[in-house]
Amino acid sequence: MNRRRFAALLGLGGFGVLGGCVDRLPLDDGGTPAKPVSVRVRSYFDERRVVSVDVEGTRAEEGFEDVFHLWPGRVVTQENVLEAGTYHVRVEVDNDMWRAAEWRMYGCPTNTILVDVGKDGVGIAATCRGTDGGSTA
């Protein structure tokens, strides 16, 4: 297949089609995700719950916010949503339970903020911790 036909199949036929649409490629030169930190939320409740997760970074543009509607036993993961760094994590459940913690996420092979909610409370942990132990909460 020639290059022109291959480019047309990819939708690159017109110049400027992707201009401004691609801010950053998902992988950098080393093959690692540009945003290596994920968020995983798990429900241990016996009924459906709404869980709000708000993660704020030290810079204004860093952050993640989402609302999860979780059935019993449900696990939801949002992959590669944050850069490695220091974050303040706040979790709220629709039954007035909440918890906040601060985490330092660095260049570990897996960087995931783990949120577990259930009748015993709200847990916030991570698969990667900073050199000083990670959590300051």
C-alpha atoms as a PDB file:
ATOM      1  CA  MET A   1       0.000   0.000   0.000  1.00  0.00           C
ATOM      2  CA  ASN A   2       1.411   3.410  -0.847  1.00  0.00           C
ATOM      3  CA  ARG A   3       1.821   6.190   1.713  1.00  0.00           C
ATOM      4  CA  ARG A   4      -0.889   8.447   0.283  1.00  0.00           C
ATOM      5  CA  ARG A   5      -3.525   5.705   0.461  1.00  0.00           C
ATOM      6  CA  PHE A   6      -2.377   4.712   3.967  1.00  0.00           C
ATOM      7  CA  ALA A   7      -2.637   8.346   5.133  1.00  0.00           C
ATOM      8  CA  ALA A   8      -6.125   8.626   3.608  1.00  0.00           C
ATOM      9  CA  LEU A   9      -7.258   5.514   5.478  1.00  0.00           C
ATOM     10  CA  LEU A  10      -6.068   7.074   8.714  1.00  0.00           C
ATOM     11  CA  GLY A  11      -7.989  10.266   7.986  1.00  0.00           C
ATOM     12  CA  LEU A  12      -4.860  12.337   7.477  1.00  0.00           C
ATOM     13  CA  GLY A  13      -5.643  13.302   3.908  1.00  0.00           C
ATOM     14  CA  GLY A  14      -6.291  16.975   4.595  1.00  0.00           C
ATOM     15  CA  PHE A  15      -3.567  19.111   6.101  1.00  0.00           C
ATOM     16  CA  GLY A  16      -4.427  20.551   9.494  1.00  0.00           C
ATOM     17  CA  VAL A  17      -7.037  17.903  10.298  1.00  0.00           C
ATOM     18  CA  LEU A  18      -5.327  17.111  13.587  1.00  0.00           C
ATOM     19  CA  GLY A  19      -3.931  20.583  14.211  1.00  0.00           C
ATOM     20  CA  GLY A  20      -4.418  21.457  17.860  1.00  0.00           C
ATOM     21  CA  CYS A  21      -6.181  18.184  18.670  1.00  0.00           C
ATOM     22  CA  VAL A  22      -3.182  16.225  19.880  1.00  0.00           C
ATOM     23  CA  ASP A  23      -1.611  18.003  22.835  1.00  0.00           C
ATOM     24  CA  ARG A  24       0.568  15.117  23.984  1.00  0.00           C
ATOM     25  CA  LEU A  25       1.013  11.583  22.804  1.00  0.00           C
ATOM     26  CA  PRO A  26       0.023   8.901  25.319  1.00  0.00           C
ATOM     27  CA  LEU A  27       3.565   7.501  25.422  1.00  0.00           C
ATOM     28  CA  ASP A  28       6.805   9.415  25.709  1.00  0.00           C
ATOM     29  CA  ASP A  29      10.088   8.283  24.123  1.00  0.00           C
ATOM     30  CA  GLY A  30      10.721   5.741  26.892  1.00  0.00           C
ATOM     31  CA  GLY A  31       7.462   3.888  26.274  1.00  0.00           C
ATOM     32  CA  THR A  32       5.962   4.944  29.604  1.00  0.00           C
ATOM     33  CA  PRO A  33       2.580   6.689  29.879  1.00  0.00           C
ATOM     34  CA  ALA A  34       2.695  10.498  29.892  1.00  0.00           C
ATOM     35  CA  LYS A  35       0.299  10.370  32.855  1.00  0.00           C
ATOM     36  CA  PRO A  36       1.371   7.311  34.851  1.00  0.00           C
ATOM     37  CA  VAL A  37      -0.993   7.675  37.844  1.00  0.00           C
ATOM     38  CA  SER A  38      -4.355   5.877  37.795  1.00  0.00           C
ATOM     39  CA  VAL A  39      -7.314   5.938  40.206  1.00  0.00           C
ATOM     40  CA  ARG A  40      -9.108   2.724  41.246  1.00  0.00           C
ATOM     41  CA  VAL A  41     -12.390   2.786  43.227  1.00  0.00           C
ATOM     42  CA  ARG A  42     -13.931  -0.340  44.814  1.00  0.00           C
ATOM     43  CA  SER A  43     -17.257  -0.731  46.659  1.00  0.00           C
ATOM     44  CA  TYR A  44     -17.778  -3.171  49.520  1.00  0.00           C
ATOM     45  CA  PHE A  45     -21.314  -1.921  50.239  1.00  0.00           C
ATOM     46  CA  ASP A  46     -24.358  -4.208  50.014  1.00  0.00           C
ATOM     47  CA  GLU A  47     -26.272  -1.600  48.012  1.00  0.00           C
ATOM     48  CA  ARG A  48     -25.582   0.891  45.227  1.00  0.00           C
ATOM     49  CA  ARG A  49     -23.596   3.965  46.329  1.00  0.00           C
ATOM     50  CA  VAL A  50     -22.382   7.166  44.700  1.00  0.00           C
ATOM     51  CA  VAL A  51     -18.711   7.887  45.387  1.00  0.00           C
ATOM     52  CA  SER A  52     -17.074  11.234  44.558  1.00  0.00           C
ATOM     53  CA  VAL A  53     -13.298  11.332  44.157  1.00  0.00           C
ATOM     54  CA  ASP A  54     -11.471  14.662  43.971  1.00  0.00           C
ATOM     55  CA  VAL A  55      -7.698  14.696  43.556  1.00  0.00           C
ATOM     56  CA  GLU A  56      -5.892  18.041  43.601  1.00  0.00           C
ATOM     57  CA  GLY A  57      -2.238  18.540  42.723  1.00  0.00           C
ATOM     58  CA  THR A  58       0.214  21.169  43.838  1.00  0.00           C
ATOM     59  CA  ARG A  59      -0.182  23.036  40.518  1.00  0.00           C
ATOM     60  CA  ALA A  60      -3.529  24.490  39.452  1.00  0.00           C
ATOM     61  CA  GLU A  61      -3.774  22.407  36.260  1.00  0.00           C
ATOM     62  CA  GLU A  62      -3.134  19.104  38.053  1.00  0.00           C
ATOM     63  CA  GLY A  63      -6.179  17.239  39.207  1.00  0.00           C
ATOM     64  CA  PHE A  64      -8.823  14.610  38.669  1.00  0.00           C
ATOM     65  CA  GLU A  65     -12.473  14.635  39.634  1.00  0.00           C
ATOM     66  CA  ASP A  66     -15.134  12.023  38.963  1.00  0.00           C
ATOM     67  CA  VAL A  67     -18.355  10.595  40.388  1.00  0.00           C
ATOM     68  CA  PHE A  68     -18.739   6.808  40.423  1.00  0.00           C
ATOM     69  CA  HIS A  69     -22.096   5.012  40.666  1.00  0.00           C
ATOM     70  CA  LEU A  70     -21.032   1.690  42.150  1.00  0.00           C
ATOM     71  CA  TRP A  71     -23.033  -1.476  42.636  1.00  0.00           C
ATOM     72  CA  PRO A  72     -21.942  -3.971  45.336  1.00  0.00           C
ATOM     73  CA  GLY A  73     -18.513  -5.434  44.577  1.00  0.00           C
ATOM     74  CA  ARG A  74     -17.933  -3.127  41.607  1.00  0.00           C
ATOM     75  CA  VAL A  75     -14.392  -1.945  40.792  1.00  0.00           C
ATOM     76  CA  VAL A  76     -13.747   0.967  38.415  1.00  0.00           C
ATOM     77  CA  THR A  77     -10.310   2.125  37.256  1.00  0.00           C
ATOM     78  CA  GLN A  78      -9.532   5.364  35.459  1.00  0.00           C
ATOM     79  CA  GLU A  79      -6.088   4.770  33.951  1.00  0.00           C
ATOM     80  CA  ASN A  80      -3.322   7.319  33.412  1.00  0.00           C
ATOM     81  CA  VAL A  81      -5.217  10.404  34.586  1.00  0.00           C
ATOM     82  CA  LEU A  82      -2.463  12.243  36.524  1.00  0.00           C
ATOM     83  CA  GLU A  83       1.215  13.032  36.341  1.00  0.00           C
ATOM     84  CA  ALA A  84       3.428  11.691  39.141  1.00  0.00           C
ATOM     85  CA  GLY A  85       3.587  14.143  42.027  1.00  0.00           C
ATOM     86  CA  THR A  86       1.994  15.121  45.344  1.00  0.00           C
ATOM     87  CA  TYR A  87      -1.802  15.047  45.586  1.00  0.00           C
ATOM     88  CA  HIS A  88      -4.527  15.778  48.105  1.00  0.00           C
ATOM     89  CA  VAL A  89      -7.198  13.083  47.729  1.00  0.00           C
ATOM     90  CA  ARG A  90     -10.746  13.590  49.038  1.00  0.00           C
ATOM     91  CA  VAL A  91     -13.383  10.858  48.817  1.00  0.00           C
ATOM     92  CA  GLU A  92     -17.074  11.324  49.673  1.00  0.00           C
ATOM     93  CA  VAL A  93     -19.822   8.682  49.730  1.00  0.00           C
ATOM     94  CA  ASP A  94     -23.526   9.527  49.396  1.00  0.00           C
ATOM     95  CA  ASN A  95     -24.157   8.326  52.983  1.00  0.00           C
ATOM     96  CA  ASP A  96     -22.127  11.218  54.508  1.00  0.00           C
ATOM     97  CA  MET A  97     -18.913   9.185  54.859  1.00  0.00           C
ATOM     98  CA  TRP A  98     -15.724  10.911  53.712  1.00  0.00           C
ATOM     99  CA  ARG A  99     -11.970  10.830  54.064  1.00  0.00           C
ATOM    100  CA  ALA A 100      -9.032  12.912  52.890  1.00  0.00           C
ATOM    101  CA  ALA A 101      -5.345  12.056  52.546  1.00  0.00           C
ATOM    102  CA  GLU A 102      -2.216  13.359  50.864  1.00  0.00           C
ATOM    103  CA  TRP A 103      -0.144  11.091  48.609  1.00  0.00           C
ATOM    104  CA  ARG A 104       3.174  11.426  46.849  1.00  0.00           C
ATOM    105  CA  MET A 105       3.174   9.424  43.612  1.00  0.00           C
ATOM    106  CA  TYR A 106       6.550   8.924  41.961  1.00  0.00           C
ATOM    107  CA  GLY A 107       7.988   6.839  39.131  1.00  0.00           C
ATOM    108  CA  CYS A 108       7.054   3.344  40.319  1.00  0.00           C
ATOM    109  CA  PRO A 109       6.088   0.630  37.820  1.00  0.00           C
ATOM    110  CA  THR A 110       2.458   0.951  39.008  1.00  0.00           C
ATOM    111  CA  ASN A 111       1.138   4.263  40.313  1.00  0.00           C
ATOM    112  CA  THR A 112      -2.468   3.796  41.387  1.00  0.00           C
ATOM    113  CA  ILE A 113      -4.454   5.639  44.024  1.00  0.00           C
ATOM    114  CA  LEU A 114      -6.648   2.962  45.612  1.00  0.00           C
ATOM    115  CA  VAL A 115     -10.026   3.981  47.041  1.00  0.00           C
ATOM    116  CA  ASP A 116     -12.080   1.394  48.947  1.00  0.00           C
ATOM    117  CA  VAL A 117     -15.517   2.230  50.386  1.00  0.00           C
ATOM    118  CA  GLY A 118     -17.737   0.059  52.558  1.00  0.00           C
ATOM    119  CA  LYS A 119     -19.769  -0.062  55.755  1.00  0.00           C
ATOM    120  CA  ASP A 120     -16.508   0.017  57.766  1.00  0.00           C
ATOM    121  CA  GLY A 121     -15.430   3.334  56.224  1.00  0.00           C
ATOM    122  CA  VAL A 122     -13.406   4.882  53.427  1.00  0.00           C
ATOM    123  CA  GLY A 123      -9.865   3.726  52.714  1.00  0.00           C
ATOM    124  CA  ILE A 124      -7.296   5.566  50.622  1.00  0.00           C
ATOM    125  CA  ALA A 125      -4.040   3.821  49.748  1.00  0.00           C
ATOM    126  CA  ALA A 126      -1.630   3.651  46.815  1.00  0.00           C
ATOM    127  CA  THR A 127       0.511   1.116  44.986  1.00  0.00           C
ATOM    128  CA  CYS A 128       3.424   3.557  44.907  1.00  0.00           C
ATOM    129  CA  ARG A 129       4.694   5.651  47.771  1.00  0.00           C
ATOM    130  CA  GLY A 130       7.239   8.421  47.971  1.00  0.00           C
ATOM    131  CA  THR A 131      10.678   7.875  49.429  1.00  0.00           C
ATOM    132  CA  ASP A 132       9.495   9.301  52.750  1.00  0.00           C
ATOM    133  CA  GLY A 133       6.704   6.737  53.149  1.00  0.00           C
ATOM    134  CA  GLY A 134       4.009   8.184  50.893  1.00  0.00           C
ATOM    135  CA  SER A 135       0.979   9.191  52.888  1.00  0.00           C
ATOM    136  CA  THR A 136       0.984  12.185  55.169  1.00  0.00           C
ATOM    137  CA  ALA A 137      -2.563  11.531  56.387  1.00  0.00           C
END
